[in-house]
Protein backbone atom coordinates (compact mmCIF):
# COMPACT_ATOMS: atom_id res chain seq x y z
CA MET A 1 153.41 92.13 121.92
CA LYS A 2 154.81 90.26 119.01
CA LYS A 3 156.08 87.49 121.45
CA PHE A 4 152.49 87.06 122.58
CA PHE A 5 151.39 86.00 119.07
CA THR A 6 154.61 83.84 118.24
CA GLU A 7 155.17 82.04 121.42
CA ASN A 8 153.35 78.92 122.82
CA THR A 9 150.86 79.22 119.70
CA ASP A 10 149.85 75.33 120.25
CA LEU A 11 148.85 76.11 123.80
CA LYS A 12 147.08 79.41 122.78
CA LEU A 13 145.11 77.48 119.99
CA ILE A 14 144.04 74.74 122.47
CA THR A 15 142.91 77.39 124.96
CA LEU A 16 140.89 79.25 122.20
CA VAL A 17 139.18 75.97 121.07
CA LEU A 18 138.49 74.93 124.68
CA SER A 19 137.01 78.43 125.20
CA LEU A 20 134.77 78.28 122.20
CA ILE A 21 133.54 74.72 123.14
CA LEU A 22 132.80 76.04 126.73
CA TRP A 23 130.84 79.03 125.19
CA PHE A 24 128.84 76.63 123.03
CA ILE A 25 127.96 74.39 126.03
CA VAL A 26 126.85 77.51 128.24
CA THR A 27 124.93 78.89 125.28
CA LEU A 28 123.07 75.72 124.32
CA LYS A 29 122.34 74.59 127.87
CA GLY A 30 118.80 75.48 128.86
CA GLN A 31 117.69 75.85 125.27
CA SER A 32 114.15 74.60 124.55
CA GLU A 33 111.56 74.47 121.61
CA VAL A 34 107.89 75.07 121.80
CA ILE A 35 105.26 74.49 119.08
CA MET A 36 102.41 77.00 118.81
CA GLU A 37 99.22 76.89 116.76
CA LEU A 38 98.62 80.48 115.50
CA PRO A 39 96.09 82.12 113.31
CA VAL A 40 97.29 83.69 109.95
CA GLU A 41 96.72 87.44 109.65
CA TYR A 42 96.42 89.32 106.37
CA LYS A 43 97.79 92.90 105.97
CA ASN A 44 97.64 95.45 103.37
CA ILE A 45 94.52 93.93 101.57
CA PRO A 46 94.11 96.11 98.37
CA LYS A 47 90.73 98.10 98.21
CA GLY A 48 88.10 96.30 96.22
CA VAL A 49 89.77 92.88 96.93
CA GLU A 50 88.09 90.37 99.20
CA ILE A 51 89.58 87.04 100.68
CA THR A 52 86.93 84.32 99.67
CA LYS A 53 89.08 81.12 100.71
CA THR A 54 92.36 80.04 102.20
CA SER A 55 94.04 76.66 102.35
CA ALA A 56 94.49 77.09 106.20
CA ARG A 57 93.41 79.25 108.95
CA PHE A 58 96.24 78.47 111.40
CA VAL A 59 99.81 77.26 111.23
CA ASN A 60 102.07 75.50 113.63
CA VAL A 61 105.09 77.48 114.49
CA SER A 62 108.27 75.92 116.20
CA ILE A 63 110.17 78.51 118.29
CA LYS A 64 113.64 78.06 120.01
CA GLY A 65 115.12 79.96 122.84
CA GLN A 66 116.14 79.93 126.54
CA GLU A 67 113.77 77.54 128.45
CA ARG A 68 112.89 80.26 130.86
CA ILE A 69 111.79 82.74 128.02
CA VAL A 70 110.19 80.15 125.85
CA LYS A 71 108.11 78.76 128.79
CA ASN A 72 106.47 82.18 129.34
CA LEU A 73 105.59 82.76 125.70
CA LEU A 74 101.96 83.31 124.93
CA PRO A 75 100.31 83.18 121.64
CA LYS A 76 99.52 87.04 121.62
CA ASP A 77 103.40 87.42 121.73
CA ILE A 78 103.78 86.03 118.18
CA ASN A 79 102.25 87.14 114.96
CA VAL A 80 102.16 85.23 111.77
CA PHE A 81 101.09 87.34 108.58
CA VAL A 82 100.78 87.54 105.01
CA ASP A 83 101.33 90.83 103.00
CA LEU A 84 98.71 90.98 100.26
CA SER A 85 99.73 94.20 98.99
CA LYS A 86 100.53 92.80 95.57
CA VAL A 87 97.97 90.04 95.43
CA LYS A 88 95.91 89.58 92.11
CA ARG A 89 92.46 88.18 91.71
CA GLY A 90 92.35 84.35 91.86
CA GLU A 91 94.47 81.79 93.79
CA THR A 92 97.91 82.97 95.00
CA MET A 93 100.40 80.66 97.02
CA PHE A 94 102.59 82.30 99.61
CA TYR A 95 105.75 80.72 101.23
CA PHE A 96 106.37 81.45 104.82
CA THR A 97 109.69 82.72 105.76
CA LYS A 98 111.13 84.33 108.99
CA ASP A 99 109.76 87.64 107.52
CA ASN A 100 106.25 86.45 108.04
CA VAL A 101 106.68 85.82 111.70
CA LYS A 102 106.88 88.60 114.22
CA LEU A 103 108.87 87.37 117.28
CA PRO A 104 109.84 88.61 120.56
CA PRO A 105 113.59 89.33 121.35
CA SER A 106 115.83 86.40 122.38
CA VAL A 107 114.02 83.79 120.44
CA THR A 108 114.30 82.23 116.91
CA LEU A 109 112.07 80.66 114.31
CA ALA A 110 112.83 76.99 113.77
CA LYS A 111 109.82 75.84 111.50
CA ILE A 112 106.42 76.67 110.11
CA ASN A 113 103.93 73.93 109.12
CA PRO A 114 102.31 74.13 106.44
CA SER A 115 105.37 75.92 104.82
CA ASN A 116 102.83 77.67 102.52
CA ILE A 117 99.35 78.97 102.33
CA THR A 118 97.03 79.52 99.30
CA VAL A 119 94.79 82.49 99.36
CA HIS A 120 91.86 82.98 97.06
CA THR A 121 90.71 86.41 96.38
CA GLU A 122 87.98 87.93 94.38
CA GLU A 123 86.99 91.57 93.41
CA VAL A 124 84.46 93.13 95.60
CA PHE A 125 81.15 94.24 94.11
CA THR A 126 78.34 96.41 95.75
CA MET A 127 74.64 95.95 95.45
CA SER A 128 71.44 97.29 96.99
CA LEU A 129 69.08 94.62 98.28
CA PRO A 130 65.56 94.97 99.99
CA ILE A 131 65.16 94.17 103.56
CA LYS A 132 62.68 91.64 104.33
CA PRO A 133 61.41 91.84 108.12
CA ILE A 134 60.62 88.73 109.71
CA THR A 135 57.92 88.27 112.52
CA LYS A 136 57.01 85.56 114.98
CA GLY A 137 54.08 84.87 117.17
CA GLU A 138 50.57 86.25 117.01
CA PRO A 139 48.98 89.68 118.03
CA LYS A 140 46.46 89.78 120.87
CA LYS A 141 43.00 88.30 119.93
CA GLY A 142 41.11 90.41 117.88
CA PHE A 143 44.18 92.35 116.39
CA ALA A 144 46.21 91.55 113.27
CA ILE A 145 49.44 92.82 111.66
CA SER A 146 48.12 95.27 108.89
CA ASP A 147 51.74 96.36 107.85
CA VAL A 148 55.51 95.70 108.40
CA THR A 149 58.22 97.99 107.03
CA SER A 150 61.78 98.39 107.72
CA ILE A 151 63.84 101.68 108.09
CA PRO A 152 65.80 101.83 105.73
CA GLU A 153 63.96 99.56 103.22
CA GLU A 154 67.12 98.72 101.39
CA ILE A 155 70.68 98.00 102.31
CA THR A 156 74.13 98.15 100.60
CA VAL A 157 76.06 94.74 100.56
CA GLU A 158 79.59 94.28 99.46
CA GLY A 159 80.92 90.89 98.43
CA SER A 160 82.01 88.71 95.56
CA ARG A 161 79.89 88.44 92.60
CA LYS A 162 79.04 84.78 93.11
CA ALA A 163 77.93 85.46 96.61
CA LEU A 164 75.70 88.56 95.80
CA ASN A 165 74.02 86.57 92.79
CA LYS A 166 72.72 84.15 95.49
CA LEU A 167 70.69 86.80 97.13
CA GLU A 168 67.32 88.33 96.49
CA TYR A 169 66.78 90.11 99.81
CA ILE A 170 68.29 90.40 103.35
CA GLU A 171 66.04 89.02 106.21
CA THR A 172 66.02 90.53 109.83
CA GLU A 173 66.14 88.56 113.11
CA PRO A 174 62.48 87.73 113.96
CA VAL A 175 60.36 90.40 115.69
CA ASP A 176 58.27 89.04 118.30
CA VAL A 177 54.51 90.25 117.93
CA LYS A 178 53.00 87.88 120.53
CA ASP A 179 49.86 89.49 122.27
CA ALA A 180 50.47 92.91 120.51
CA ALA A 181 47.60 95.38 120.48
CA ALA A 182 49.23 98.33 119.04
CA ALA A 183 51.74 99.61 116.51
CA PHE A 184 55.50 99.59 117.70
CA GLU A 185 59.03 99.73 116.43
CA LYS A 186 61.93 97.69 117.35
CA THR A 187 65.66 97.75 116.22
CA VAL A 188 66.81 94.31 115.31
CA ARG A 189 69.88 92.81 113.80
CA LEU A 190 70.13 91.51 110.05
CA VAL A 191 70.85 87.90 109.57
CA LEU A 192 74.32 87.41 108.15
CA LYS A 193 74.03 84.10 106.42
CA ASP A 194 77.06 84.54 104.36
CA LYS A 195 80.01 85.69 106.49
CA THR A 196 82.10 86.76 103.46
CA LEU A 197 79.51 89.52 102.90
CA THR A 198 79.83 93.00 104.29
CA TYR A 199 76.61 94.98 105.24
CA GLN A 200 76.35 98.66 105.32
CA ASN A 201 74.63 98.45 108.71
CA ASN A 202 74.13 95.36 110.91
CA ALA A 203 70.84 96.48 112.20
CA VAL A 204 67.84 98.14 111.19
CA LYS A 205 64.50 99.67 112.69
CA VAL A 206 61.21 97.49 112.02
CA LYS A 207 57.86 99.08 112.26
CA ILE A 208 55.02 96.79 112.91
CA THR A 209 51.43 98.20 112.54
CA ILE A 210 48.74 96.33 114.58
CA ALA A 211 45.21 97.03 113.74
CA ALA A 212 42.08 95.72 115.30
CA GLN A 213 40.12 93.20 113.22
CA LYS A 214 36.60 94.09 112.02
CA ILE A 215 33.92 91.97 113.39
CA THR A 216 31.28 91.18 110.79
CA GLY A 217 27.97 90.96 112.38
CA ALA A 218 25.62 87.95 111.78
CA LYS A 219 23.18 88.37 108.72
CA LYS A 220 19.57 88.59 109.69
């Protein structure tokens, strides 16, 4: 056994070097790189905190691996995420690392562009706002709308103070009263003008009261 390590050392060293070179050639052969545009996901958002703005919605991720594996990758196979568990109100910059990307086995992360993202968060507030039912069209001739109510009449809205201060009420989608001659109810969705807001319910019931118009006789 001792002779094996002491005899022909130069030849053994050359053989080892050639074996390593061959291994690298075989390993690198068929390697490929692909770039995917992926959405940024946010995890562990603290209660009472809302994301109001980000510097980017998508990032370009470069991935390396065997060509046959890389070629079959789909966007759903890779996740790019930011952990917001320790985020504070205001602007926070996060730098992407390999820990922010969940990859399938046998592929590696080469690059992320942009390399960082700025997230703006604000404290979430709650406010009760009246619901304003909207109608369109005209009832049947000789009839008119006498009352319009929503059930419930108010709704709880969550969002940033800035967004909530812009609101006085929440409108419904228009309820068509064309040719109506009797009272009716209809469930309609609320109009979500500000996507950063969260509503307690997305739909409400609107009750339309239709009454016959009084015909005033001609004076004698």
